[in-house]
C-alpha atoms as a PDB file:
ATOM      1  CA  UNK A   1       6.313  15.401   8.319  1.00  0.00           C
ATOM      2  CA  UNK A   2       8.264  17.796   6.204  1.00  0.00           C
ATOM      3  CA  UNK A   3      10.633  16.445   3.409  1.00  0.00           C
ATOM      4  CA  UNK A   4      13.748  17.601   3.634  1.00  0.00           C
ATOM      5  CA  UNK A   5      16.044  17.423   0.686  1.00  0.00           C
ATOM      6  CA  UNK A   6      19.470  16.426   2.795  1.00  0.00           C
ATOM      7  CA  UNK A   7      16.888  13.603   4.458  1.00  0.00           C
ATOM      8  CA  UNK A   8      19.552  10.482   4.474  1.00  0.00           C
ATOM      9  CA  UNK A   9      16.338   8.492   3.053  1.00  0.00           C
ATOM     10  CA  UNK A  10      14.686   8.331  -0.572  1.00  0.00           C
ATOM     11  CA  UNK A  11      11.732   7.350  -1.401  1.00  0.00           C
ATOM     12  CA  UNK A  12      10.805   6.551  -5.534  1.00  0.00           C
ATOM     13  CA  UNK A  13       7.240   7.662  -6.619  1.00  0.00           C
ATOM     14  CA  UNK A  14       5.378   8.358  -9.982  1.00  0.00           C
ATOM     15  CA  UNK A  15       4.778  12.212 -10.248  1.00  0.00           C
ATOM     16  CA  UNK A  16       1.315  11.370 -11.869  1.00  0.00           C
ATOM     17  CA  UNK A  17      -1.253   8.721 -11.895  1.00  0.00           C
ATOM     18  CA  UNK A  18      -4.544   8.732 -12.984  1.00  0.00           C
ATOM     19  CA  UNK A  19      -6.750   9.991 -10.283  1.00  0.00           C
ATOM     20  CA  UNK A  20      -8.645   6.480  -9.163  1.00  0.00           C
ATOM     21  CA  UNK A  21      -4.851   5.301  -8.222  1.00  0.00           C
ATOM     22  CA  UNK A  22      -3.945   8.744  -6.098  1.00  0.00           C
ATOM     23  CA  UNK A  23      -3.564   8.058  -2.766  1.00  0.00           C
ATOM     24  CA  UNK A  24      -3.300   3.985  -3.188  1.00  0.00           C
ATOM     25  CA  UNK A  25      -0.024   3.715  -4.767  1.00  0.00           C
ATOM     26  CA  UNK A  26       2.123   1.546  -3.063  1.00  0.00           C
ATOM     27  CA  UNK A  27       5.101   4.592  -1.804  1.00  0.00           C
ATOM     28  CA  UNK A  28       2.760   5.554   0.425  1.00  0.00           C
ATOM     29  CA  UNK A  29       3.218   2.673   2.461  1.00  0.00           C
ATOM     30  CA  UNK A  30       6.644   3.200   3.131  1.00  0.00           C
ATOM     31  CA  UNK A  31       5.896   6.886   3.823  1.00  0.00           C
ATOM     32  CA  UNK A  32       3.416   5.915   6.321  1.00  0.00           C
ATOM     33  CA  UNK A  33       5.997   3.530   8.081  1.00  0.00           C
ATOM     34  CA  UNK A  34       8.301   6.451   8.234  1.00  0.00           C
ATOM     35  CA  UNK A  35       5.685   8.992   9.209  1.00  0.00           C
ATOM     36  CA  UNK A  36       4.620   6.581  11.857  1.00  0.00           C
ATOM     37  CA  UNK A  37       8.084   6.517  13.354  1.00  0.00           C
ATOM     38  CA  UNK A  38       9.095  10.193  12.733  1.00  0.00           C
ATOM     39  CA  UNK A  39      12.075   9.444  10.308  1.00  0.00           C
ATOM     40  CA  UNK A  40      12.532  12.267   7.625  1.00  0.00           C
ATOM     41  CA  UNK A  41      12.433  10.912   4.084  1.00  0.00           C
ATOM     42  CA  UNK A  42      12.807  12.417   0.468  1.00  0.00           C
ATOM     43  CA  UNK A  43      10.631  11.698  -2.683  1.00  0.00           C
ATOM     44  CA  UNK A  44      12.650  10.980  -5.823  1.00  0.00           C
ATOM     45  CA  UNK A  45       9.357  11.111  -8.974  1.00  0.00           C
ATOM     46  CA  UNK A  46       9.884   8.962 -11.992  1.00  0.00           C
ATOM     47  CA  UNK A  47       7.287   8.992 -14.907  1.00  0.00           C
ATOM     48  CA  UNK A  48       4.916   6.179 -14.511  1.00  0.00           C
ATOM     49  CA  UNK A  49       4.381   5.720 -18.271  1.00  0.00           C
ATOM     50  CA  UNK A  50       7.501   6.366 -19.851  1.00  0.00           C
ATOM     51  CA  UNK A  51       9.901   4.863 -16.829  1.00  0.00           C
ATOM     52  CA  UNK A  52      13.424   5.723 -16.959  1.00  0.00           C
ATOM     53  CA  UNK A  53      15.057   2.735 -18.276  1.00  0.00           C
ATOM     54  CA  UNK A  54      18.145   3.072 -16.004  1.00  0.00           C
ATOM     55  CA  UNK A  55      15.258   2.531 -13.040  1.00  0.00           C
ATOM     56  CA  UNK A  56      15.116  -0.783 -13.993  1.00  0.00           C
ATOM     57  CA  UNK A  57      18.529  -1.883 -13.009  1.00  0.00           C
ATOM     58  CA  UNK A  58      17.203  -0.613  -9.521  1.00  0.00           C
ATOM     59  CA  UNK A  59      13.959  -2.101  -9.519  1.00  0.00           C
ATOM     60  CA  UNK A  60      14.008  -4.806 -12.000  1.00  0.00           C
ATOM     61  CA  UNK A  61      10.190  -4.665 -12.593  1.00  0.00           C
ATOM     62  CA  UNK A  62       9.812  -0.816 -12.981  1.00  0.00           C
ATOM     63  CA  UNK A  63       7.671  -0.406  -9.895  1.00  0.00           C
ATOM     64  CA  UNK A  64       7.642   1.858  -7.311  1.00  0.00           C
ATOM     65  CA  UNK A  65       8.250   2.145  -4.456  1.00  0.00           C
ATOM     66  CA  UNK A  66      12.188   2.226  -4.287  1.00  0.00           C
ATOM     67  CA  UNK A  67      13.773   3.017  -1.434  1.00  0.00           C
ATOM     68  CA  UNK A  68      17.667   3.551  -0.431  1.00  0.00           C
ATOM     69  CA  UNK A  69      18.938   4.739   2.878  1.00  0.00           C
ATOM     70  CA  UNK A  70      22.735   5.134   2.526  1.00  0.00           C
ATOM     71  CA  UNK A  71      24.126   1.567   1.485  1.00  0.00           C
ATOM     72  CA  UNK A  72      20.785   0.355   1.408  1.00  0.00           C
ATOM     73  CA  UNK A  73      19.060  -0.444  -1.440  1.00  0.00           C
ATOM     74  CA  UNK A  74      15.478  -1.980  -1.553  1.00  0.00           C
ATOM     75  CA  UNK A  75      12.241  -2.528  -3.676  1.00  0.00           C
ATOM     76  CA  UNK A  76       9.047  -4.332  -2.932  1.00  0.00           C
ATOM     77  CA  UNK A  77       7.302  -2.351  -0.159  1.00  0.00           C
ATOM     78  CA  UNK A  78       6.534  -5.212   1.929  1.00  0.00           C
ATOM     79  CA  UNK A  79      10.055  -5.779   2.333  1.00  0.00           C
ATOM     80  CA  UNK A  80      10.742  -1.877   3.110  1.00  0.00           C
ATOM     81  CA  UNK A  81       8.226  -1.738   5.610  1.00  0.00           C
ATOM     82  CA  UNK A  82       9.576  -4.530   7.611  1.00  0.00           C
ATOM     83  CA  UNK A  83      12.623  -2.939   7.181  1.00  0.00           C
ATOM     84  CA  UNK A  84      11.734   0.048   8.639  1.00  0.00           C
ATOM     85  CA  UNK A  85       9.617  -1.452  11.212  1.00  0.00           C
ATOM     86  CA  UNK A  86      12.764  -3.284  12.448  1.00  0.00           C
ATOM     87  CA  UNK A  87      14.050   0.646  13.433  1.00  0.00           C
ATOM     88  CA  UNK A  88      11.352   0.919  16.029  1.00  0.00           C
ATOM     89  CA  UNK A  89       8.832  -0.889  18.551  1.00  0.00           C
ATOM     90  CA  UNK A  90       6.472   0.898  17.730  1.00  0.00           C
ATOM     91  CA  UNK A  91       6.256  -0.983  14.218  1.00  0.00           C
ATOM     92  CA  UNK A  92       7.836  -3.903  15.643  1.00  0.00           C
ATOM     93  CA  UNK A  93       7.319  -6.380  18.739  1.00  0.00           C
ATOM     94  CA  UNK A  94      10.769  -6.232  20.798  1.00  0.00           C
ATOM     95  CA  UNK A  95       9.408  -9.540  22.220  1.00  0.00           C
ATOM     96  CA  UNK A  96      10.057 -12.925  19.702  1.00  0.00           C
ATOM     97  CA  UNK A  97       6.718 -13.601  19.697  1.00  0.00           C
ATOM     98  CA  UNK A  98       4.666 -10.309  18.795  1.00  0.00           C
ATOM     99  CA  UNK A  99       7.938  -9.788  15.977  1.00  0.00           C
ATOM    100  CA  UNK A 100       6.946 -13.014  14.817  1.00  0.00           C
ATOM    101  CA  UNK A 101       3.033 -11.947  14.098  1.00  0.00           C
ATOM    102  CA  UNK A 102       2.989  -8.429  13.261  1.00  0.00           C
ATOM    103  CA  UNK A 103       5.654 -10.516  10.390  1.00  0.00           C
ATOM    104  CA  UNK A 104       2.867 -12.803   9.849  1.00  0.00           C
ATOM    105  CA  UNK A 105       0.390 -10.034   9.098  1.00  0.00           C
ATOM    106  CA  UNK A 106       2.432  -8.121   6.647  1.00  0.00           C
ATOM    107  CA  UNK A 107       3.016 -11.328   4.886  1.00  0.00           C
ATOM    108  CA  UNK A 108      -0.876 -12.114   4.986  1.00  0.00           C
ATOM    109  CA  UNK A 109      -1.764  -9.068   3.548  1.00  0.00           C
ATOM    110  CA  UNK A 110       0.415  -9.053   0.196  1.00  0.00           C
ATOM    111  CA  UNK A 111      -0.099 -12.619  -0.389  1.00  0.00           C
ATOM    112  CA  UNK A 112      -3.628 -13.880   0.991  1.00  0.00           C
ATOM    113  CA  UNK A 113      -5.421 -10.768   0.762  1.00  0.00           C
ATOM    114  CA  UNK A 114      -4.181  -8.544  -1.910  1.00  0.00           C
ATOM    115  CA  UNK A 115      -3.689 -11.025  -4.701  1.00  0.00           C
ATOM    116  CA  UNK A 116      -7.600 -11.403  -4.571  1.00  0.00           C
ATOM    117  CA  UNK A 117      -7.580  -7.633  -4.391  1.00  0.00           C
ATOM    118  CA  UNK A 118      -5.877  -7.320  -7.522  1.00  0.00           C
ATOM    119  CA  UNK A 119      -7.657  -9.457  -9.429  1.00  0.00           C
ATOM    120  CA  UNK A 120     -10.812  -7.822  -9.238  1.00  0.00           C
ATOM    121  CA  UNK A 121      -9.363  -5.019  -9.853  1.00  0.00           C
ATOM    122  CA  UNK A 122      -7.941  -6.039 -12.849  1.00  0.00           C
ATOM    123  CA  UNK A 123     -11.569  -7.550 -13.761  1.00  0.00           C
ATOM    124  CA  UNK A 124     -13.552  -4.317 -13.574  1.00  0.00           C
ATOM    125  CA  UNK A 125     -11.284  -1.665 -14.432  1.00  0.00           C
ATOM    126  CA  UNK A 126      -8.319  -3.078 -17.278  1.00  0.00           C
ATOM    127  CA  UNK A 127     -10.812  -6.327 -18.730  1.00  0.00           C
ATOM    128  CA  UNK A 128     -13.847  -4.615 -17.932  1.00  0.00           C
ATOM    129  CA  UNK A 129     -16.518  -5.765 -21.147  1.00  0.00           C
ATOM    130  CA  UNK A 130     -14.215  -8.908 -21.850  1.00  0.00           C
ATOM    131  CA  UNK A 131     -16.053 -11.654 -21.629  1.00  0.00           C
ATOM    132  CA  UNK A 132     -13.502 -13.897 -19.943  1.00  0.00           C
ATOM    133  CA  UNK A 133     -13.884 -11.161 -16.827  1.00  0.00           C
ATOM    134  CA  UNK A 134     -17.819 -11.446 -17.063  1.00  0.00           C
ATOM    135  CA  UNK A 135     -17.317 -14.987 -16.621  1.00  0.00           C
ATOM    136  CA  UNK A 136     -14.969 -14.879 -13.948  1.00  0.00           C
ATOM    137  CA  UNK A 137     -16.534 -12.073 -11.844  1.00  0.00           C
ATOM    138  CA  UNK A 138     -18.454 -13.611  -9.762  1.00  0.00           C
ATOM    139  CA  UNK A 139     -16.434 -16.542  -8.404  1.00  0.00           C
ATOM    140  CA  UNK A 140     -13.775 -14.024  -7.724  1.00  0.00           C
ATOM    141  CA  UNK A 141     -16.005 -11.963  -5.793  1.00  0.00           C
ATOM    142  CA  UNK A 142     -17.203 -14.910  -4.026  1.00  0.00           C
ATOM    143  CA  UNK A 143     -13.565 -15.717  -3.093  1.00  0.00           C
ATOM    144  CA  UNK A 144     -12.735 -12.219  -2.053  1.00  0.00           C
ATOM    145  CA  UNK A 145     -15.982 -11.851   0.242  1.00  0.00           C
ATOM    146  CA  UNK A 146     -14.443 -15.649   2.127  1.00  0.00           C
ATOM    147  CA  UNK A 147     -11.103 -13.968   3.058  1.00  0.00           C
ATOM    148  CA  UNK A 148     -12.833 -11.074   4.182  1.00  0.00           C
ATOM    149  CA  UNK A 149     -15.084 -13.001   6.320  1.00  0.00           C
ATOM    150  CA  UNK A 150     -12.323 -14.697   7.773  1.00  0.00           C
ATOM    151  CA  UNK A 151     -10.235 -11.892   8.131  1.00  0.00           C
ATOM    152  CA  UNK A 152     -12.938 -10.159  10.709  1.00  0.00           C
ATOM    153  CA  UNK A 153     -13.385 -13.268  12.479  1.00  0.00           C
ATOM    154  CA  UNK A 154     -10.012 -12.931  13.344  1.00  0.00           C
ATOM    155  CA  UNK A 155      -9.992  -9.409  13.929  1.00  0.00           C
ATOM    156  CA  UNK A 156     -12.992 -10.058  16.353  1.00  0.00           C
ATOM    157  CA  UNK A 157     -13.515  -7.011  18.602  1.00  0.00           C
ATOM    158  CA  UNK A 158     -10.062  -5.607  18.584  1.00  0.00           C
ATOM    159  CA  UNK A 159      -8.830  -2.216  17.456  1.00  0.00           C
ATOM    160  CA  UNK A 160      -6.008  -4.257  16.017  1.00  0.00           C
ATOM    161  CA  UNK A 161      -4.857  -7.699  14.934  1.00  0.00           C
ATOM    162  CA  UNK A 162      -2.488  -8.753  17.404  1.00  0.00           C
ATOM    163  CA  UNK A 163      -3.962  -5.851  19.971  1.00  0.00           C
ATOM    164  CA  UNK A 164      -1.601  -3.299  19.082  1.00  0.00           C
ATOM    165  CA  UNK A 165      -0.762  -1.156  16.158  1.00  0.00           C
ATOM    166  CA  UNK A 166       1.948  -3.092  14.452  1.00  0.00           C
ATOM    167  CA  UNK A 167       3.419  -3.074  11.006  1.00  0.00           C
ATOM    168  CA  UNK A 168       1.340  -5.785   9.813  1.00  0.00           C
ATOM    169  CA  UNK A 169      -1.744  -3.603  10.579  1.00  0.00           C
ATOM    170  CA  UNK A 170       0.082  -0.532   9.097  1.00  0.00           C
ATOM    171  CA  UNK A 171       0.602  -3.377   5.828  1.00  0.00           C
ATOM    172  CA  UNK A 172      -3.055  -4.756   5.834  1.00  0.00           C
ATOM    173  CA  UNK A 173      -4.722  -1.165   6.238  1.00  0.00           C
ATOM    174  CA  UNK A 174      -3.161  -0.300   2.972  1.00  0.00           C
ATOM    175  CA  UNK A 175      -3.955  -3.261   0.825  1.00  0.00           C
ATOM    176  CA  UNK A 176      -7.424  -3.749   2.246  1.00  0.00           C
ATOM    177  CA  UNK A 177      -8.484   0.208   1.129  1.00  0.00           C
ATOM    178  CA  UNK A 178      -7.166  -1.145  -2.661  1.00  0.00           C
ATOM    179  CA  UNK A 179     -10.688  -2.459  -2.390  1.00  0.00           C
ATOM    180  CA  UNK A 180     -13.470  -0.126  -4.079  1.00  0.00           C
ATOM    181  CA  UNK A 181     -17.271  -0.312  -1.931  1.00  0.00           C
ATOM    182  CA  UNK A 182     -18.676  -1.102  -5.178  1.00  0.00           C
ATOM    183  CA  UNK A 183     -16.803  -4.052  -5.741  1.00  0.00           C
ATOM    184  CA  UNK A 184     -17.282  -5.902  -2.346  1.00  0.00           C
ATOM    185  CA  UNK A 185     -18.805  -5.374   0.449  1.00  0.00           C
ATOM    186  CA  UNK A 186     -16.512  -5.347   3.773  1.00  0.00           C
ATOM    187  CA  UNK A 187     -17.611  -6.654   6.896  1.00  0.00           C
ATOM    188  CA  UNK A 188     -18.180  -3.743   8.975  1.00  0.00           C
ATOM    189  CA  UNK A 189     -15.296  -4.845  11.683  1.00  0.00           C
ATOM    190  CA  UNK A 190     -12.991  -4.550   8.601  1.00  0.00           C
ATOM    191  CA  UNK A 191     -14.524  -1.336   7.395  1.00  0.00           C
ATOM    192  CA  UNK A 192     -14.118   0.186  10.861  1.00  0.00           C
ATOM    193  CA  UNK A 193     -10.476  -1.230  11.278  1.00  0.00           C
ATOM    194  CA  UNK A 194      -9.485   0.623   7.791  1.00  0.00           C
ATOM    195  CA  UNK A 195     -11.205   3.666   9.233  1.00  0.00           C
ATOM    196  CA  UNK A 196      -8.867   3.503  12.288  1.00  0.00           C
ATOM    197  CA  UNK A 197      -5.633   3.348  10.068  1.00  0.00           C
ATOM    198  CA  UNK A 198      -7.058   6.309   8.330  1.00  0.00           C
ATOM    199  CA  UNK A 199      -7.235   8.397  11.016  1.00  0.00           C
ATOM    200  CA  UNK A 200      -3.790   7.830  12.411  1.00  0.00           C
ATOM    201  CA  UNK A 201      -2.213  11.172  12.485  1.00  0.00           C
ATOM    202  CA  UNK A 202       1.004   9.441  10.609  1.00  0.00           C
ATOM    203  CA  UNK A 203      -1.449   7.990   7.717  1.00  0.00           C
ATOM    204  CA  UNK A 204      -2.896  11.421   7.098  1.00  0.00           C
ATOM    205  CA  UNK A 205       0.486  12.932   6.675  1.00  0.00           C
ATOM    206  CA  UNK A 206       1.706  10.450   4.572  1.00  0.00           C
ATOM    207  CA  UNK A 207      -1.206  11.001   2.237  1.00  0.00           C
ATOM    208  CA  UNK A 208      -0.630  14.619   2.078  1.00  0.00           C
ATOM    209  CA  UNK A 209       2.866  14.248   0.812  1.00  0.00           C
ATOM    210  CA  UNK A 210       1.870  11.752  -1.672  1.00  0.00           C
ATOM    211  CA  UNK A 211      -1.159  13.273  -2.906  1.00  0.00           C
ATOM    212  CA  UNK A 212       0.903  16.486  -2.818  1.00  0.00           C
ATOM    213  CA  UNK A 213       3.704  15.017  -5.219  1.00  0.00           C
ATOM    214  CA  UNK A 214       1.358  14.196  -8.168  1.00  0.00           C
ATOM    215  CA  UNK A 215       1.241  16.417 -11.195  1.00  0.00           C
ATOM    216  CA  UNK A 216      -1.618  17.853 -12.108  1.00  0.00           C
ATOM    217  CA  UNK A 217      -3.732  15.837 -15.173  1.00  0.00           C
ATOM    218  CA  UNK A 218      -3.514  19.034 -17.211  1.00  0.00           C
ATOM    219  CA  UNK A 219       0.498  18.787 -17.047  1.00  0.00           C
ATOM    220  CA  UNK A 220       0.567  15.423 -18.182  1.00  0.00           C
ATOM    221  CA  UNK A 221       0.077  13.637 -22.111  1.00  0.00           C
ATOM    222  CA  UNK A 222      -3.246  11.364 -21.297  1.00  0.00           C
ATOM    223  CA  UNK A 223      -3.312   9.245 -23.927  1.00  0.00           C
ATOM    224  CA  UNK A 224      -4.025   5.496 -23.283  1.00  0.00           C
ATOM    225  CA  UNK A 225      -4.921   6.442 -20.036  1.00  0.00           C
ATOM    226  CA  UNK A 226      -7.909   4.966 -18.626  1.00  0.00           C
ATOM    227  CA  UNK A 227     -10.388   7.505 -17.418  1.00  0.00           C
END
C-alpha cells in the first residue's frame, strides 16, 4: 500500500534501530492492521536515541507506535490495533462471541506471551554475561517453553486461533516472531502459524514499509548501541 502524505492516519515510528530490532519494532503491528483493511497512512519518524522532549506529551513513555487519526490520538500497540480492528470485520468479528474472543487473544498475546519473550531478550541481549542473567536463564526458558506448549495445544490443527484470521492472530504472530530460534525452540504448530501470518500480503507490505523507513547505519551516530 503506497503511503500518502495527505492520509488522515499518521503512525509514529523510529527513523533508525539496530539491525537486530528491524522488522520487530511495534509500529509494525499497526501498519499490518492498516494494511489488512486497506487504509492509507503516513509515517512520522523520530529518533530512538534522542527522542524529542515534546513527544513525551503524546506518548508518556517515549515509545512507538503513536497513532493519530483526526481528533483520535492513541498509544500502545494493542489499543491501536483494537481501534483499527473495530473498523472492519476482516479483523474483528461482528458477533459478540467472536469479537470477545478476538479481544481476548490480543490481551493474551500482550499479557501472557510477550512479557516472557521480552524477559529472555533482556537476559540474552542487554544483560548478557551478568551473573544474575546466567542464573535466571534456565528457569526463564522453561517458563517460556511451557507457555508456548500451552498456546500450541490451544491452536491445535487450526490455521488460526479461532478458525479464522482476526486481530488476535495479528497480535499473537507479531509477538511470537520477536522470539529468536536460538532462544527457545518453538513448537512446530506455532512455527507454522507464524509462517502463515508472515505470508499474508498485508504483513509483507507492512514489513516492507517499515524497513524502507529506516535510515542506513552509516547515517546514524552509533555510540552505545548494541552490536
